[in-house]
Amino acid sequence: MTKKRLVALAATMALALPGVASAGSNDMDVIVDGTTGAQTRSVAVSVADLNLASNSGMRRADSRLIRASKQVCGYVSGSIMPVSEDYRTCYGAAIDSARSDLTMMAQRQS
């Protein structure tokens, strides 16, 4: 493969990837973003199977958001490493943003 073709392929993939990432997302997904250092991770959390107008549905959704926030910020279950300030900052921002999006979604559903 020539250098020109390789560059063209890389450019095509770079332009296509954001569309692929959002293709699996729908209006019943909460996107959880976590930034640690220079790295940002995202995960889509589906709440389509939950009734957000009920307390139990909101509790289950919140549980999913907590788990996803820990995941995107690098939490490892059973780790003996102490929780860093960077992790706390990442987790706080991730869960606050996700809960805000969930609240707006619940208001639209009611």
N, C-alpha and C. Protein backbone atom coordinates (compact mmCIF):
# COMPACT_ATOMS: atom_id res chain seq x y z
N MET A 1 0.85 -1.17 0.00
CA MET A 1 0.00 0.00 0.00
C MET A 1 0.90 1.23 0.00
N THR A 2 0.60 2.16 -0.88
CA THR A 2 1.40 3.37 -0.97
C THR A 2 1.09 4.30 0.19
N LYS A 3 1.99 5.21 0.42
CA LYS A 3 1.83 6.16 1.53
C LYS A 3 0.57 7.01 1.33
N LYS A 4 0.30 7.41 0.08
CA LYS A 4 -0.88 8.22 -0.22
C LYS A 4 -2.16 7.45 0.12
N ARG A 5 -2.21 6.18 -0.25
CA ARG A 5 -3.39 5.37 0.03
C ARG A 5 -3.58 5.19 1.54
N LEU A 6 -2.48 4.98 2.24
CA LEU A 6 -2.53 4.81 3.68
C LEU A 6 -3.06 6.07 4.37
N VAL A 7 -2.59 7.22 3.93
CA VAL A 7 -3.08 8.49 4.48
C VAL A 7 -4.56 8.69 4.16
N ALA A 8 -4.96 8.37 2.94
CA ALA A 8 -6.36 8.51 2.55
C ALA A 8 -7.25 7.58 3.36
N LEU A 9 -6.79 6.35 3.59
CA LEU A 9 -7.55 5.39 4.38
C LEU A 9 -7.68 5.86 5.83
N ALA A 10 -6.59 6.37 6.40
CA ALA A 10 -6.62 6.87 7.77
C ALA A 10 -7.57 8.06 7.89
N ALA A 11 -7.56 8.95 6.92
CA ALA A 11 -8.45 10.12 6.95
C ALA A 11 -9.91 9.68 6.84
N THR A 12 -10.17 8.72 5.98
CA THR A 12 -11.54 8.22 5.81
C THR A 12 -12.05 7.60 7.11
N MET A 13 -11.20 6.80 7.75
CA MET A 13 -11.59 6.16 9.01
C MET A 13 -11.82 7.20 10.11
N ALA A 14 -10.98 8.20 10.15
CA ALA A 14 -11.12 9.24 11.18
C ALA A 14 -12.44 9.99 11.02
N LEU A 15 -12.85 10.20 9.79
CA LEU A 15 -14.11 10.89 9.54
C LEU A 15 -15.31 9.98 9.80
N ALA A 16 -15.15 8.69 9.58
CA ALA A 16 -16.26 7.76 9.74
C ALA A 16 -16.50 7.35 11.18
N LEU A 17 -15.48 7.32 12.01
CA LEU A 17 -15.62 6.81 13.37
C LEU A 17 -16.63 7.57 14.23
N PRO A 18 -16.69 8.89 14.22
CA PRO A 18 -17.70 9.55 15.05
C PRO A 18 -19.12 9.14 14.67
N GLY A 19 -19.39 8.92 13.41
CA GLY A 19 -20.71 8.48 12.98
C GLY A 19 -21.01 7.07 13.46
N VAL A 20 -20.02 6.21 13.46
CA VAL A 20 -20.20 4.85 13.94
C VAL A 20 -20.47 4.86 15.43
N ALA A 21 -19.76 5.68 16.18
CA ALA A 21 -19.94 5.73 17.63
C ALA A 21 -21.33 6.22 18.00
N SER A 22 -21.86 7.15 17.25
CA SER A 22 -23.18 7.66 17.59
C SER A 22 -24.30 6.84 16.98
N ALA A 23 -23.97 5.94 16.07
CA ALA A 23 -25.00 5.15 15.41
C ALA A 23 -25.72 4.23 16.39
N GLY A 24 -25.03 3.73 17.42
CA GLY A 24 -25.65 2.84 18.38
C GLY A 24 -26.42 3.58 19.45
N SER A 25 -26.34 4.87 19.48
CA SER A 25 -27.00 5.67 20.50
C SER A 25 -28.40 6.05 20.03
N ASN A 26 -29.33 6.10 20.98
CA ASN A 26 -30.67 6.56 20.63
C ASN A 26 -31.15 7.52 21.69
N ASP A 27 -32.40 7.92 21.61
CA ASP A 27 -32.90 8.92 22.54
C ASP A 27 -33.17 8.36 23.93
N MET A 28 -32.98 7.06 24.14
CA MET A 28 -33.14 6.46 25.46
C MET A 28 -31.81 5.97 26.02
N ASP A 29 -30.72 6.57 25.55
CA ASP A 29 -29.38 6.29 26.07
C ASP A 29 -28.87 7.53 26.78
N VAL A 30 -28.22 7.32 27.91
CA VAL A 30 -27.53 8.39 28.59
C VAL A 30 -26.05 8.17 28.31
N ILE A 31 -25.38 9.17 27.77
CA ILE A 31 -23.95 9.07 27.47
C ILE A 31 -23.18 9.53 28.70
N VAL A 32 -22.32 8.64 29.20
CA VAL A 32 -21.50 8.95 30.37
C VAL A 32 -20.08 9.18 29.88
N ASP A 33 -19.55 10.39 30.13
CA ASP A 33 -18.19 10.75 29.73
C ASP A 33 -17.33 10.91 30.97
N GLY A 34 -16.13 10.35 30.93
CA GLY A 34 -15.19 10.51 32.02
C GLY A 34 -13.84 10.92 31.49
N THR A 35 -13.26 11.97 32.08
CA THR A 35 -11.96 12.46 31.64
C THR A 35 -10.95 12.31 32.77
N THR A 36 -9.92 11.53 32.50
CA THR A 36 -8.82 11.39 33.44
C THR A 36 -7.55 11.78 32.71
N GLY A 37 -6.88 12.79 33.22
CA GLY A 37 -5.70 13.29 32.53
C GLY A 37 -6.09 13.82 31.17
N ALA A 38 -5.44 13.31 30.13
CA ALA A 38 -5.73 13.74 28.76
C ALA A 38 -6.66 12.78 28.05
N GLN A 39 -7.12 11.74 28.75
CA GLN A 39 -7.94 10.71 28.12
C GLN A 39 -9.41 10.87 28.51
N THR A 40 -10.28 10.81 27.51
CA THR A 40 -11.73 10.84 27.75
C THR A 40 -12.32 9.54 27.25
N ARG A 41 -13.11 8.91 28.10
CA ARG A 41 -13.81 7.68 27.73
C ARG A 41 -15.30 7.95 27.81
N SER A 42 -16.06 7.29 26.95
CA SER A 42 -17.51 7.44 26.94
C SER A 42 -18.17 6.07 26.85
N VAL A 43 -19.34 5.98 27.44
CA VAL A 43 -20.14 4.76 27.33
C VAL A 43 -21.60 5.17 27.28
N ALA A 44 -22.38 4.48 26.44
CA ALA A 44 -23.82 4.73 26.35
C ALA A 44 -24.53 3.77 27.29
N VAL A 45 -25.39 4.31 28.14
CA VAL A 45 -26.15 3.51 29.09
C VAL A 45 -27.61 3.55 28.66
N SER A 46 -28.13 2.41 28.28
CA SER A 46 -29.52 2.34 27.84
C SER A 46 -30.46 2.31 29.04
N VAL A 47 -31.49 3.12 28.96
CA VAL A 47 -32.56 3.11 29.98
C VAL A 47 -33.91 2.89 29.30
N ALA A 48 -33.86 2.38 28.08
CA ALA A 48 -35.08 2.18 27.29
C ALA A 48 -36.03 1.18 27.94
N ASP A 49 -35.50 0.26 28.71
CA ASP A 49 -36.32 -0.77 29.34
C ASP A 49 -36.90 -0.33 30.69
N LEU A 50 -36.62 0.90 31.10
CA LEU A 50 -37.05 1.38 32.42
C LEU A 50 -38.16 2.41 32.32
N ASN A 51 -39.03 2.42 33.31
CA ASN A 51 -40.06 3.45 33.43
C ASN A 51 -39.47 4.55 34.30
N LEU A 52 -39.02 5.62 33.68
CA LEU A 52 -38.37 6.70 34.41
C LEU A 52 -39.35 7.55 35.22
N ALA A 53 -40.64 7.29 35.06
CA ALA A 53 -41.64 8.01 35.86
C ALA A 53 -41.82 7.36 37.23
N SER A 54 -41.22 6.17 37.41
CA SER A 54 -41.35 5.48 38.71
C SER A 54 -40.06 5.60 39.50
N ASN A 55 -40.19 5.53 40.83
CA ASN A 55 -39.01 5.59 41.69
C ASN A 55 -38.08 4.42 41.45
N SER A 56 -38.64 3.22 41.27
CA SER A 56 -37.78 2.05 41.07
C SER A 56 -37.04 2.14 39.74
N GLY A 57 -37.68 2.67 38.71
CA GLY A 57 -37.02 2.85 37.42
C GLY A 57 -35.87 3.84 37.52
N MET A 58 -36.08 4.93 38.24
CA MET A 58 -35.02 5.92 38.42
C MET A 58 -33.86 5.36 39.24
N ARG A 59 -34.18 4.55 40.27
CA ARG A 59 -33.11 3.94 41.08
C ARG A 59 -32.27 2.98 40.23
N ARG A 60 -32.93 2.18 39.40
CA ARG A 60 -32.19 1.26 38.54
C ARG A 60 -31.34 2.02 37.52
N ALA A 61 -31.89 3.09 36.97
CA ALA A 61 -31.14 3.91 36.02
C ALA A 61 -29.92 4.53 36.70
N ASP A 62 -30.12 5.05 37.92
CA ASP A 62 -29.01 5.66 38.65
C ASP A 62 -27.93 4.64 38.95
N SER A 63 -28.32 3.43 39.29
CA SER A 63 -27.35 2.37 39.54
C SER A 63 -26.50 2.10 38.30
N ARG A 64 -27.14 2.09 37.14
CA ARG A 64 -26.40 1.89 35.89
C ARG A 64 -25.44 3.04 35.63
N LEU A 65 -25.89 4.27 35.93
CA LEU A 65 -25.04 5.44 35.71
C LEU A 65 -23.83 5.43 36.65
N ILE A 66 -24.04 5.01 37.88
CA ILE A 66 -22.94 4.92 38.84
C ILE A 66 -21.89 3.93 38.33
N ARG A 67 -22.35 2.77 37.91
CA ARG A 67 -21.44 1.74 37.39
C ARG A 67 -20.68 2.26 36.17
N ALA A 68 -21.38 2.92 35.25
CA ALA A 68 -20.74 3.44 34.04
C ALA A 68 -19.75 4.56 34.36
N SER A 69 -20.11 5.42 35.33
CA SER A 69 -19.21 6.51 35.72
C SER A 69 -17.92 5.96 36.30
N LYS A 70 -18.03 4.93 37.11
CA LYS A 70 -16.83 4.28 37.65
C LYS A 70 -15.99 3.69 36.53
N GLN A 71 -16.65 3.06 35.59
CA GLN A 71 -15.96 2.40 34.47
C GLN A 71 -15.18 3.41 33.63
N VAL A 72 -15.81 4.51 33.24
CA VAL A 72 -15.13 5.46 32.35
C VAL A 72 -14.01 6.22 33.06
N CYS A 73 -14.06 6.23 34.39
CA CYS A 73 -13.01 6.92 35.14
C CYS A 73 -11.89 5.99 35.58
N GLY A 74 -11.99 4.71 35.23
CA GLY A 74 -10.88 3.79 35.48
C GLY A 74 -10.95 3.01 36.77
N TYR A 75 -12.11 2.96 37.42
CA TYR A 75 -12.24 2.19 38.65
C TYR A 75 -12.09 0.70 38.35
N VAL A 76 -11.32 0.03 39.17
CA VAL A 76 -11.14 -1.41 39.03
C VAL A 76 -11.64 -2.06 40.30
N SER A 77 -12.66 -2.89 40.19
CA SER A 77 -13.24 -3.56 41.35
C SER A 77 -12.20 -4.45 42.02
N GLY A 78 -12.11 -4.34 43.34
CA GLY A 78 -11.18 -5.16 44.09
C GLY A 78 -9.77 -4.62 44.10
N SER A 79 -9.56 -3.43 43.57
CA SER A 79 -8.23 -2.84 43.50
C SER A 79 -7.76 -2.44 44.89
N ILE A 80 -6.48 -2.62 45.14
CA ILE A 80 -5.92 -2.19 46.42
C ILE A 80 -5.31 -0.79 46.30
N MET A 81 -5.40 -0.23 45.10
CA MET A 81 -4.88 1.12 44.88
C MET A 81 -5.81 2.14 45.54
N PRO A 82 -5.24 3.13 46.22
CA PRO A 82 -6.11 4.16 46.79
C PRO A 82 -6.75 5.01 45.70
N VAL A 83 -7.94 5.51 45.98
CA VAL A 83 -8.65 6.36 45.03
C VAL A 83 -7.93 7.70 44.97
N SER A 84 -7.61 8.13 43.75
CA SER A 84 -6.87 9.38 43.57
C SER A 84 -7.82 10.57 43.44
N GLU A 85 -7.25 11.75 43.56
CA GLU A 85 -8.03 12.98 43.39
C GLU A 85 -8.50 13.09 41.94
N ASP A 86 -7.67 12.64 41.00
CA ASP A 86 -8.03 12.65 39.59
C ASP A 86 -9.27 11.77 39.36
N TYR A 87 -9.33 10.60 40.00
CA TYR A 87 -10.49 9.72 39.89
C TYR A 87 -11.72 10.39 40.48
N ARG A 88 -11.58 10.99 41.65
CA ARG A 88 -12.73 11.66 42.31
C ARG A 88 -13.29 12.78 41.42
N THR A 89 -12.41 13.55 40.83
CA THR A 89 -12.83 14.65 39.96
C THR A 89 -13.55 14.10 38.73
N CYS A 90 -12.96 13.08 38.12
CA CYS A 90 -13.56 12.45 36.95
C CYS A 90 -14.93 11.89 37.28
N TYR A 91 -15.01 11.12 38.36
CA TYR A 91 -16.27 10.47 38.75
C TYR A 91 -17.34 11.51 39.07
N GLY A 92 -16.98 12.54 39.82
CA GLY A 92 -17.95 13.58 40.18
C GLY A 92 -18.54 14.26 38.97
N ALA A 93 -17.68 14.61 38.01
CA ALA A 93 -18.15 15.28 36.79
C ALA A 93 -18.99 14.32 35.94
N ALA A 94 -18.56 13.06 35.85
CA ALA A 94 -19.27 12.09 35.02
C ALA A 94 -20.66 11.81 35.58
N ILE A 95 -20.77 11.57 36.88
CA ILE A 95 -22.07 11.22 37.45
C ILE A 95 -23.00 12.43 37.47
N ASP A 96 -22.47 13.62 37.75
CA ASP A 96 -23.31 14.82 37.74
C ASP A 96 -23.91 15.07 36.37
N SER A 97 -23.10 14.97 35.33
CA SER A 97 -23.57 15.20 33.97
C SER A 97 -24.59 14.12 33.55
N ALA A 98 -24.29 12.87 33.88
CA ALA A 98 -25.19 11.77 33.51
C ALA A 98 -26.53 11.91 34.24
N ARG A 99 -26.50 12.26 35.53
CA ARG A 99 -27.75 12.42 36.29
C ARG A 99 -28.56 13.58 35.74
N SER A 100 -27.91 14.64 35.32
CA SER A 100 -28.61 15.78 34.72
C SER A 100 -29.33 15.35 33.44
N ASP A 101 -28.62 14.59 32.60
CA ASP A 101 -29.23 14.09 31.36
C ASP A 101 -30.39 13.14 31.67
N LEU A 102 -30.23 12.30 32.69
CA LEU A 102 -31.30 11.37 33.07
C LEU A 102 -32.53 12.12 33.56
N THR A 103 -32.33 13.16 34.33
CA THR A 103 -33.45 13.97 34.83
C THR A 103 -34.22 14.60 33.67
N MET A 104 -33.51 15.14 32.71
CA MET A 104 -34.17 15.73 31.54
C MET A 104 -34.95 14.66 30.76
N MET A 105 -34.35 13.48 30.63
CA MET A 105 -35.00 12.39 29.92
C MET A 105 -36.27 11.95 30.66
N ALA A 106 -36.21 11.88 31.99
CA ALA A 106 -37.37 11.48 32.79
C ALA A 106 -38.50 12.50 32.66
N GLN A 107 -38.15 13.78 32.61
CA GLN A 107 -39.16 14.83 32.47
C GLN A 107 -39.85 14.73 31.11
N ARG A 108 -39.11 14.38 30.07
CA ARG A 108 -39.71 14.21 28.74
C ARG A 108 -40.63 12.99 28.71
N GLN A 109 -40.28 11.97 29.49
CA GLN A 109 -41.06 10.73 29.48
C GLN A 109 -42.36 10.86 30.28
N SER A 110 -42.40 11.76 31.27
CA SER A 110 -43.61 11.88 32.09
C SER A 110 -44.71 12.66 31.42
